[in-house]
Amino acid sequence: MITAIVLIKTTVDRIPEIAETVAALDGVSEVYSVTGTYDLVAMVRVRRHEDLAEVIPGRLNKVPGVLHTETHIAFRTYSQHDLETAFALGLDE
């Protein structure tokens, strides 16, 4: 599974509607409203790198009110569970 974190700048008066539209796109698993330079953060999860082109520039960037996006591809996932397992190795001695 390939995960992309997409930072989204929108028209401010339509953030909730844009967030709901983006969240409904195939390949988008979550959308967060955030503070800072960007208005929304979308988590995109797809099977192949080629699918990113369909989701992000193909659909997400075309949502009315999306002004700009910045995409970051995740190399590795570190969940709380993964970290607890890693720190627990060798501590049973």
PDB file of N, CA and C in Angstrom:
ATOM      1  N   MET A   1       0.848  -1.176   0.000  1.00  0.00           N
ATOM      2  CA  MET A   1       0.000   0.000   0.000  1.00  0.00           C
ATOM      3  C   MET A   1       0.893   1.239   0.000  1.00  0.00           C
ATOM      4  N   ILE A   2       0.596   2.171  -0.860  1.00  0.00           N
ATOM      5  CA  ILE A   2       1.339   3.431  -0.957  1.00  0.00           C
ATOM      6  C   ILE A   2       0.507   4.517  -0.293  1.00  0.00           C
ATOM      7  N   THR A   3       1.140   5.278   0.582  1.00  0.00           N
ATOM      8  CA  THR A   3       0.452   6.356   1.284  1.00  0.00           C
ATOM      9  C   THR A   3       1.050   7.689   0.871  1.00  0.00           C
ATOM     10  N   ALA A   4       0.179   8.628   0.537  1.00  0.00           N
ATOM     11  CA  ALA A   4       0.591   9.995   0.229  1.00  0.00           C
ATOM     12  C   ALA A   4      -0.140  10.930   1.180  1.00  0.00           C
ATOM     13  N   ILE A   5       0.586  11.907   1.692  1.00  0.00           N
ATOM     14  CA  ILE A   5       0.016  12.950   2.530  1.00  0.00           C
ATOM     15  C   ILE A   5      -0.091  14.180   1.637  1.00  0.00           C
ATOM     16  N   VAL A   6      -1.329  14.654   1.445  1.00  0.00           N
ATOM     17  CA  VAL A   6      -1.557  15.776   0.533  1.00  0.00           C
ATOM     18  C   VAL A   6      -1.994  16.991   1.351  1.00  0.00           C
ATOM     19  N   LEU A   7      -1.174  18.037   1.310  1.00  0.00           N
ATOM     20  CA  LEU A   7      -1.498  19.304   1.963  1.00  0.00           C
ATOM     21  C   LEU A   7      -2.293  20.130   0.963  1.00  0.00           C
ATOM     22  N   ILE A   8      -3.438  20.661   1.391  1.00  0.00           N
ATOM     23  CA  ILE A   8      -4.364  21.314   0.461  1.00  0.00           C
ATOM     24  C   ILE A   8      -4.682  22.728   0.918  1.00  0.00           C
ATOM     25  N   LYS A   9      -4.505  23.674   0.024  1.00  0.00           N
ATOM     26  CA  LYS A   9      -4.909  25.070   0.234  1.00  0.00           C
ATOM     27  C   LYS A   9      -6.232  25.248  -0.504  1.00  0.00           C
ATOM     28  N   THR A  10      -7.234  25.804   0.186  1.00  0.00           N
ATOM     29  CA  THR A  10      -8.569  25.949  -0.400  1.00  0.00           C
ATOM     30  C   THR A  10      -9.075  27.380  -0.264  1.00  0.00           C
ATOM     31  N   THR A  11     -10.229  27.614  -0.886  1.00  0.00           N
ATOM     32  CA  THR A  11     -10.924  28.861  -0.607  1.00  0.00           C
ATOM     33  C   THR A  11     -11.510  28.713   0.795  1.00  0.00           C
ATOM     34  N   VAL A  12     -11.203  29.647   1.666  1.00  0.00           N
ATOM     35  CA  VAL A  12     -11.484  29.515   3.099  1.00  0.00           C
ATOM     36  C   VAL A  12     -12.977  29.384   3.406  1.00  0.00           C
ATOM     37  N   ASP A  13     -13.806  30.046   2.655  1.00  0.00           N
ATOM     38  CA  ASP A  13     -15.235  30.025   2.962  1.00  0.00           C
ATOM     39  C   ASP A  13     -15.922  28.703   2.601  1.00  0.00           C
ATOM     40  N   ARG A  14     -15.195  27.778   1.965  1.00  0.00           N
ATOM     41  CA  ARG A  14     -15.792  26.504   1.546  1.00  0.00           C
ATOM     42  C   ARG A  14     -15.058  25.282   2.085  1.00  0.00           C
ATOM     43  N   ILE A  15     -14.274  25.457   3.136  1.00  0.00           N
ATOM     44  CA  ILE A  15     -13.468  24.347   3.664  1.00  0.00           C
ATOM     45  C   ILE A  15     -14.312  23.105   3.970  1.00  0.00           C
ATOM     46  N   PRO A  16     -15.422  23.201   4.697  1.00  0.00           N
ATOM     47  CA  PRO A  16     -16.181  21.975   5.002  1.00  0.00           C
ATOM     48  C   PRO A  16     -16.688  21.242   3.759  1.00  0.00           C
ATOM     49  N   GLU A  17     -17.212  21.976   2.786  1.00  0.00           N
ATOM     50  CA  GLU A  17     -17.720  21.343   1.567  1.00  0.00           C
ATOM     51  C   GLU A  17     -16.601  20.703   0.758  1.00  0.00           C
ATOM     52  N   ILE A  18     -15.476  21.392   0.660  1.00  0.00           N
ATOM     53  CA  ILE A  18     -14.327  20.852  -0.079  1.00  0.00           C
ATOM     54  C   ILE A  18     -13.800  19.611   0.619  1.00  0.00           C
ATOM     55  N   ALA A  19     -13.712  19.648   1.940  1.00  0.00           N
ATOM     56  CA  ALA A  19     -13.233  18.495   2.712  1.00  0.00           C
ATOM     57  C   ALA A  19     -14.123  17.276   2.477  1.00  0.00           C
ATOM     58  N   GLU A  20     -15.434  17.470   2.472  1.00  0.00           N
ATOM     59  CA  GLU A  20     -16.362  16.360   2.248  1.00  0.00           C
ATOM     60  C   GLU A  20     -16.231  15.806   0.829  1.00  0.00           C
ATOM     61  N   THR A  21     -16.057  16.675  -0.145  1.00  0.00           N
ATOM     62  CA  THR A  21     -15.887  16.236  -1.530  1.00  0.00           C
ATOM     63  C   THR A  21     -14.598  15.442  -1.689  1.00  0.00           C
ATOM     64  N   VAL A  22     -13.518  15.947  -1.125  1.00  0.00           N
ATOM     65  CA  VAL A  22     -12.222  15.248  -1.201  1.00  0.00           C
ATOM     66  C   VAL A  22     -12.304  13.908  -0.479  1.00  0.00           C
ATOM     67  N   ALA A  23     -12.933  13.879   0.694  1.00  0.00           N
ATOM     68  CA  ALA A  23     -13.044  12.644   1.472  1.00  0.00           C
ATOM     69  C   ALA A  23     -13.823  11.564   0.721  1.00  0.00           C
ATOM     70  N   ALA A  24     -14.723  11.949  -0.153  1.00  0.00           N
ATOM     71  CA  ALA A  24     -15.538  10.995  -0.897  1.00  0.00           C
ATOM     72  C   ALA A  24     -14.815  10.404  -2.114  1.00  0.00           C
ATOM     73  N   LEU A  25     -13.641  10.942  -2.459  1.00  0.00           N
ATOM     74  CA  LEU A  25     -12.900  10.436  -3.619  1.00  0.00           C
ATOM     75  C   LEU A  25     -12.326   9.054  -3.342  1.00  0.00           C
ATOM     76  N   ASP A  26     -12.393   8.169  -4.333  1.00  0.00           N
ATOM     77  CA  ASP A  26     -11.750   6.858  -4.207  1.00  0.00           C
ATOM     78  C   ASP A  26     -10.258   7.058  -3.996  1.00  0.00           C
ATOM     79  N   GLY A  27      -9.699   6.365  -3.036  1.00  0.00           N
ATOM     80  CA  GLY A  27      -8.277   6.463  -2.730  1.00  0.00           C
ATOM     81  C   GLY A  27      -7.973   7.391  -1.567  1.00  0.00           C
ATOM     82  N   VAL A  28      -8.919   8.243  -1.202  1.00  0.00           N
ATOM     83  CA  VAL A  28      -8.724   9.147  -0.059  1.00  0.00           C
ATOM     84  C   VAL A  28      -9.314   8.470   1.170  1.00  0.00           C
ATOM     85  N   SER A  29      -8.476   8.221   2.182  1.00  0.00           N
ATOM     86  CA  SER A  29      -8.952   7.523   3.373  1.00  0.00           C
ATOM     87  C   SER A  29      -9.411   8.468   4.471  1.00  0.00           C
ATOM     88  N   GLU A  30      -8.767   9.618   4.598  1.00  0.00           N
ATOM     89  CA  GLU A  30      -9.144  10.594   5.620  1.00  0.00           C
ATOM     90  C   GLU A  30      -8.829  11.992   5.119  1.00  0.00           C
ATOM     91  N   VAL A  31      -9.553  12.957   5.654  1.00  0.00           N
ATOM     92  CA  VAL A  31      -9.268  14.370   5.411  1.00  0.00           C
ATOM     93  C   VAL A  31      -9.370  15.083   6.754  1.00  0.00           C
ATOM     94  N   TYR A  32      -8.354  15.892   7.065  1.00  0.00           N
ATOM     95  CA  TYR A  32      -8.318  16.641   8.312  1.00  0.00           C
ATOM     96  C   TYR A  32      -8.323  18.132   8.028  1.00  0.00           C
ATOM     97  N   SER A  33      -9.102  18.873   8.777  1.00  0.00           N
ATOM     98  CA  SER A  33      -9.034  20.326   8.759  1.00  0.00           C
ATOM     99  C   SER A  33      -7.932  20.705   9.742  1.00  0.00           C
ATOM    100  N   VAL A  34      -7.008  21.561   9.324  1.00  0.00           N
ATOM    101  CA  VAL A  34      -5.834  21.859  10.156  1.00  0.00           C
ATOM    102  C   VAL A  34      -5.557  23.361  10.211  1.00  0.00           C
ATOM    103  N   THR A  35      -4.729  23.742  11.168  1.00  0.00           N
ATOM    104  CA  THR A  35      -4.267  25.124  11.251  1.00  0.00           C
ATOM    105  C   THR A  35      -2.960  25.250  10.477  1.00  0.00           C
ATOM    106  N   GLY A  36      -2.566  26.472  10.192  1.00  0.00           N
ATOM    107  CA  GLY A  36      -1.286  26.702   9.530  1.00  0.00           C
ATOM    108  C   GLY A  36      -1.462  27.163   8.098  1.00  0.00           C
ATOM    109  N   THR A  37      -0.434  26.963   7.311  1.00  0.00           N
ATOM    110  CA  THR A  37      -0.399  27.421   5.928  1.00  0.00           C
ATOM    111  C   THR A  37      -1.458  26.746   5.068  1.00  0.00           C
ATOM    112  N   TYR A  38      -1.717  25.477   5.325  1.00  0.00           N
ATOM    113  CA  TYR A  38      -2.690  24.720   4.541  1.00  0.00           C
ATOM    114  C   TYR A  38      -3.987  24.594   5.326  1.00  0.00           C
ATOM    115  N   ASP A  39      -5.067  24.349   4.606  1.00  0.00           N
ATOM    116  CA  ASP A  39      -6.391  24.260   5.225  1.00  0.00           C
ATOM    117  C   ASP A  39      -6.812  22.827   5.515  1.00  0.00           C
ATOM    118  N   LEU A  40      -6.378  21.900   4.656  1.00  0.00           N
ATOM    119  CA  LEU A  40      -6.753  20.500   4.790  1.00  0.00           C
ATOM    120  C   LEU A  40      -5.544  19.602   4.581  1.00  0.00           C
ATOM    121  N   VAL A  41      -5.587  18.434   5.189  1.00  0.00           N
ATOM    122  CA  VAL A  41      -4.603  17.387   4.940  1.00  0.00           C
ATOM    123  C   VAL A  41      -5.381  16.134   4.574  1.00  0.00           C
ATOM    124  N   ALA A  42      -5.075  15.568   3.404  1.00  0.00           N
ATOM    125  CA  ALA A  42      -5.733  14.342   2.951  1.00  0.00           C
ATOM    126  C   ALA A  42      -4.729  13.199   2.962  1.00  0.00           C
ATOM    127  N   MET A  43      -5.181  12.058   3.436  1.00  0.00           N
ATOM    128  CA  MET A  43      -4.386  10.841   3.388  1.00  0.00           C
ATOM    129  C   MET A  43      -4.886  10.033   2.197  1.00  0.00           C
ATOM    130  N   VAL A  44      -3.989   9.775   1.254  1.00  0.00           N
ATOM    131  CA  VAL A  44      -4.333   9.015   0.056  1.00  0.00           C
ATOM    132  C   VAL A  44      -3.617   7.680   0.147  1.00  0.00           C
ATOM    133  N   ARG A  45      -4.372   6.607  -0.009  1.00  0.00           N
ATOM    134  CA  ARG A  45      -3.787   5.269   0.045  1.00  0.00           C
ATOM    135  C   ARG A  45      -4.202   4.508  -1.206  1.00  0.00           C
ATOM    136  N   VAL A  46      -3.194   4.076  -1.980  1.00  0.00           N
ATOM    137  CA  VAL A  46      -3.430   3.364  -3.237  1.00  0.00           C
ATOM    138  C   VAL A  46      -2.495   2.168  -3.343  1.00  0.00           C
ATOM    139  N   ARG A  47      -2.783   1.284  -4.272  1.00  0.00           N
ATOM    140  CA  ARG A  47      -1.962   0.080  -4.444  1.00  0.00           C
ATOM    141  C   ARG A  47      -0.709   0.318  -5.280  1.00  0.00           C
ATOM    142  N   ARG A  48      -0.800   1.208  -6.270  1.00  0.00           N
ATOM    143  CA  ARG A  48       0.317   1.415  -7.185  1.00  0.00           C
ATOM    144  C   ARG A  48       0.639   2.902  -7.299  1.00  0.00           C
ATOM    145  N   HIS A  49       1.902   3.212  -7.580  1.00  0.00           N
ATOM    146  CA  HIS A  49       2.301   4.613  -7.756  1.00  0.00           C
ATOM    147  C   HIS A  49       1.497   5.281  -8.867  1.00  0.00           C
ATOM    148  N   GLU A  50       1.202   4.518  -9.917  1.00  0.00           N
ATOM    149  CA  GLU A  50       0.443   5.069 -11.038  1.00  0.00           C
ATOM    150  C   GLU A  50      -0.937   5.553 -10.595  1.00  0.00           C
ATOM    151  N   ASP A  51      -1.489   4.915  -9.573  1.00  0.00           N
ATOM    152  CA  ASP A  51      -2.810   5.295  -9.075  1.00  0.00           C
ATOM    153  C   ASP A  51      -2.798   6.682  -8.429  1.00  0.00           C
ATOM    154  N   LEU A  52      -1.647   7.104  -7.933  1.00  0.00           N
ATOM    155  CA  LEU A  52      -1.552   8.446  -7.341  1.00  0.00           C
ATOM    156  C   LEU A  52      -1.911   9.519  -8.370  1.00  0.00           C
ATOM    157  N   ALA A  53      -1.485   9.322  -9.607  1.00  0.00           N
ATOM    158  CA  ALA A  53      -1.770  10.295 -10.667  1.00  0.00           C
ATOM    159  C   ALA A  53      -3.268  10.394 -10.937  1.00  0.00           C
ATOM    160  N   GLU A  54      -3.966   9.290 -10.824  1.00  0.00           N
ATOM    161  CA  GLU A  54      -5.412   9.308 -11.022  1.00  0.00           C
ATOM    162  C   GLU A  54      -6.113  10.040  -9.883  1.00  0.00           C
ATOM    163  N   VAL A  55      -5.655   9.814  -8.670  1.00  0.00           N
ATOM    164  CA  VAL A  55      -6.334  10.386  -7.507  1.00  0.00           C
ATOM    165  C   VAL A  55      -5.981  11.853  -7.305  1.00  0.00           C
ATOM    166  N   ILE A  56      -4.695  12.193  -7.280  1.00  0.00           N
ATOM    167  CA  ILE A  56      -4.299  13.553  -6.883  1.00  0.00           C
ATOM    168  C   ILE A  56      -4.478  14.551  -8.030  1.00  0.00           C
ATOM    169  N   PRO A  57      -3.671  14.520  -9.077  1.00  0.00           N
ATOM    170  CA  PRO A  57      -3.925  15.503 -10.138  1.00  0.00           C
ATOM    171  C   PRO A  57      -5.186  15.190 -10.941  1.00  0.00           C
ATOM    172  N   GLY A  58      -5.572  13.923 -11.015  1.00  0.00           N
ATOM    173  CA  GLY A  58      -6.718  13.536 -11.813  1.00  0.00           C
ATOM    174  C   GLY A  58      -8.060  13.914 -11.221  1.00  0.00           C
ATOM    175  N   ARG A  59      -8.186  13.852  -9.898  1.00  0.00           N
ATOM    176  CA  ARG A  59      -9.478  14.144  -9.260  1.00  0.00           C
ATOM    177  C   ARG A  59      -9.383  15.189  -8.164  1.00  0.00           C
ATOM    178  N   LEU A  60      -8.470  14.997  -7.208  1.00  0.00           N
ATOM    179  CA  LEU A  60      -8.395  15.896  -6.053  1.00  0.00           C
ATOM    180  C   LEU A  60      -8.111  17.337  -6.460  1.00  0.00           C
ATOM    181  N   ASN A  61      -7.131  17.538  -7.318  1.00  0.00           N
ATOM    182  CA  ASN A  61      -6.785  18.900  -7.749  1.00  0.00           C
ATOM    183  C   ASN A  61      -7.884  19.569  -8.565  1.00  0.00           C
ATOM    184  N   LYS A  62      -8.828  18.783  -9.070  1.00  0.00           N
ATOM    185  CA  LYS A  62      -9.917  19.324  -9.884  1.00  0.00           C
ATOM    186  C   LYS A  62     -11.170  19.652  -9.072  1.00  0.00           C
ATOM    187  N   VAL A  63     -11.131  19.398  -7.776  1.00  0.00           N
ATOM    188  CA  VAL A  63     -12.278  19.738  -6.927  1.00  0.00           C
ATOM    189  C   VAL A  63     -12.402  21.260  -6.883  1.00  0.00           C
ATOM    190  N   PRO A  64     -13.584  21.794  -7.187  1.00  0.00           N
ATOM    191  CA  PRO A  64     -13.757  23.250  -7.132  1.00  0.00           C
ATOM    192  C   PRO A  64     -13.419  23.802  -5.749  1.00  0.00           C
ATOM    193  N   GLY A  65     -12.581  24.832  -5.714  1.00  0.00           N
ATOM    194  CA  GLY A  65     -12.161  25.436  -4.455  1.00  0.00           C
ATOM    195  C   GLY A  65     -10.788  24.999  -3.988  1.00  0.00           C
ATOM    196  N   VAL A  66     -10.231  23.919  -4.579  1.00  0.00           N
ATOM    197  CA  VAL A  66      -8.857  23.512  -4.266  1.00  0.00           C
ATOM    198  C   VAL A  66      -7.938  24.436  -5.054  1.00  0.00           C
ATOM    199  N   LEU A  67      -7.124  25.205  -4.342  1.00  0.00           N
ATOM    200  CA  LEU A  67      -6.258  26.200  -4.984  1.00  0.00           C
ATOM    201  C   LEU A  67      -4.850  25.683  -5.237  1.00  0.00           C
ATOM    202  N   HIS A  68      -4.348  24.848  -4.314  1.00  0.00           N
ATOM    203  CA  HIS A  68      -2.955  24.389  -4.399  1.00  0.00           C
ATOM    204  C   HIS A  68      -2.815  23.133  -3.547  1.00  0.00           C
ATOM    205  N   THR A  69      -1.965  22.210  -4.002  1.00  0.00           N
ATOM    206  CA  THR A  69      -1.659  21.032  -3.199  1.00  0.00           C
ATOM    207  C   THR A  69      -0.154  20.813  -3.147  1.00  0.00           C
ATOM    208  N   GLU A  70       0.264  20.155  -2.101  1.00  0.00           N
ATOM    209  CA  GLU A  70       1.660  19.720  -1.961  1.00  0.00           C
ATOM    210  C   GLU A  70       1.601  18.279  -1.473  1.00  0.00           C
ATOM    211  N   THR A  71       2.246  17.382  -2.212  1.00  0.00           N
ATOM    212  CA  THR A  71       2.139  15.955  -1.927  1.00  0.00           C
ATOM    213  C   THR A  71       3.445  15.402  -1.380  1.00  0.00           C
ATOM    214  N   HIS A  72       3.329  14.597  -0.325  1.00  0.00           N
ATOM    215  CA  HIS A  72       4.471  13.913   0.286  1.00  0.00           C
ATOM    216  C   HIS A  72       4.173  12.418   0.268  1.00  0.00           C
ATOM    217  N   ILE A  73       5.098  11.631  -0.273  1.00  0.00           N
ATOM    218  CA  ILE A  73       4.952  10.183  -0.318  1.00  0.00           C
ATOM    219  C   ILE A  73       5.618   9.595   0.925  1.00  0.00           C
ATOM    220  N   ALA A  74       4.909   8.733   1.620  1.00  0.00           N
ATOM    221  CA  ALA A  74       5.449   8.107   2.823  1.00  0.00           C
ATOM    222  C   ALA A  74       6.359   6.941   2.435  1.00  0.00           C
ATOM    223  N   PHE A  75       7.533   6.887   3.061  1.00  0.00           N
ATOM    224  CA  PHE A  75       8.453   5.769   2.851  1.00  0.00           C
ATOM    225  C   PHE A  75       8.126   4.598   3.770  1.00  0.00           C
ATOM    226  N   ARG A  76       7.821   4.903   5.010  1.00  0.00           N
ATOM    227  CA  ARG A  76       7.604   3.874   6.018  1.00  0.00           C
ATOM    228  C   ARG A  76       6.587   4.391   7.029  1.00  0.00           C
ATOM    229  N   THR A  77       5.813   3.482   7.588  1.00  0.00           N
ATOM    230  CA  THR A  77       4.826   3.841   8.602  1.00  0.00           C
ATOM    231  C   THR A  77       5.328   3.400   9.964  1.00  0.00           C
ATOM    232  N   TYR A  78       5.244   4.294  10.919  1.00  0.00           N
ATOM    233  CA  TYR A  78       5.597   3.985  12.301  1.00  0.00           C
ATOM    234  C   TYR A  78       4.356   4.206  13.149  1.00  0.00           C
ATOM    235  N   SER A  79       3.662   3.149  13.464  1.00  0.00           N
ATOM    236  CA  SER A  79       2.498   3.283  14.324  1.00  0.00           C
ATOM    237  C   SER A  79       2.937   3.077  15.768  1.00  0.00           C
ATOM    238  N   GLN A  80       2.078   3.439  16.691  1.00  0.00           N
ATOM    239  CA  GLN A  80       2.389   3.248  18.103  1.00  0.00           C
ATOM    240  C   GLN A  80       2.659   1.778  18.378  1.00  0.00           C
ATOM    241  N   HIS A  81       1.881   0.899  17.755  1.00  0.00           N
ATOM    242  CA  HIS A  81       2.073  -0.539  17.930  1.00  0.00           C
ATOM    243  C   HIS A  81       3.461  -0.964  17.456  1.00  0.00           C
ATOM    244  N   ASP A  82       3.898  -0.470  16.289  1.00  0.00           N
ATOM    245  CA  ASP A  82       5.218  -0.807  15.749  1.00  0.00           C
ATOM    246  C   ASP A  82       6.320  -0.343  16.687  1.00  0.00           C
ATOM    247  N   LEU A  83       6.181   0.865  17.238  1.00  0.00           N
ATOM    248  CA  LEU A  83       7.199   1.391  18.137  1.00  0.00           C
ATOM    249  C   LEU A  83       7.270   0.595  19.429  1.00  0.00           C
ATOM    250  N   GLU A  84       6.125   0.210  19.979  1.00  0.00           N
ATOM    251  CA  GLU A  84       6.122  -0.594  21.204  1.00  0.00           C
ATOM    252  C   GLU A  84       6.793  -1.941  20.973  1.00  0.00           C
ATOM    253  N   THR A  85       6.536  -2.556  19.819  1.00  0.00           N
ATOM    254  CA  THR A  85       7.160  -3.830  19.486  1.00  0.00           C
ATOM    255  C   THR A  85       8.671  -3.677  19.346  1.00  0.00           C
ATOM    256  N   ALA A  86       9.107  -2.617  18.664  1.00  0.00           N
ATOM    257  CA  ALA A  86      10.539  -2.396  18.456  1.00  0.00           C
ATOM    258  C   ALA A  86      11.259  -2.181  19.780  1.00  0.00           C
ATOM    259  N   PHE A  87      10.681  -1.412  20.694  1.00  0.00           N
ATOM    260  CA  PHE A  87      11.332  -1.136  21.968  1.00  0.00           C
ATOM    261  C   PHE A  87      11.281  -2.336  22.910  1.00  0.00           C
ATOM    262  N   ALA A  88      10.338  -3.234  22.697  1.00  0.00           N
ATOM    263  CA  ALA A  88      10.198  -4.398  23.564  1.00  0.00           C
ATOM    264  C   ALA A  88      11.214  -5.494  23.217  1.00  0.00           C
ATOM    265  N   LEU A  89      11.819  -5.453  22.034  1.00  0.00           N
ATOM    266  CA  LEU A  89      12.771  -6.484  21.637  1.00  0.00           C
ATOM    267  C   LEU A  89      13.962  -6.503  22.575  1.00  0.00           C
ATOM    268  N   GLY A  90      14.267  -7.682  23.115  1.00  0.00           N
ATOM    269  CA  GLY A  90      15.448  -7.838  23.940  1.00  0.00           C
ATOM    270  C   GLY A  90      15.319  -7.338  25.370  1.00  0.00           C
ATOM    271  N   LEU A  91      14.158  -6.858  25.738  1.00  0.00           N
ATOM    272  CA  LEU A  91      14.008  -6.326  27.093  1.00  0.00           C
ATOM    273  C   LEU A  91      13.526  -7.387  28.089  1.00  0.00           C
ATOM    274  N   ASP A  92      13.310  -8.600  27.603  1.00  0.00           N
ATOM    275  CA  ASP A  92      12.827  -9.670  28.479  1.00  0.00           C
ATOM    276  C   ASP A  92      13.951 -10.318  29.284  1.00  0.00           C
ATOM    277  N   GLU A  93      15.157  -9.881  29.120  1.00  0.00           N
ATOM    278  CA  GLU A  93      16.312 -10.514  29.782  1.00  0.00           C
ATOM    279  C   GLU A  93      16.400 -10.124  31.221  1.00  0.00           C
TER     280      GLU A  93
END
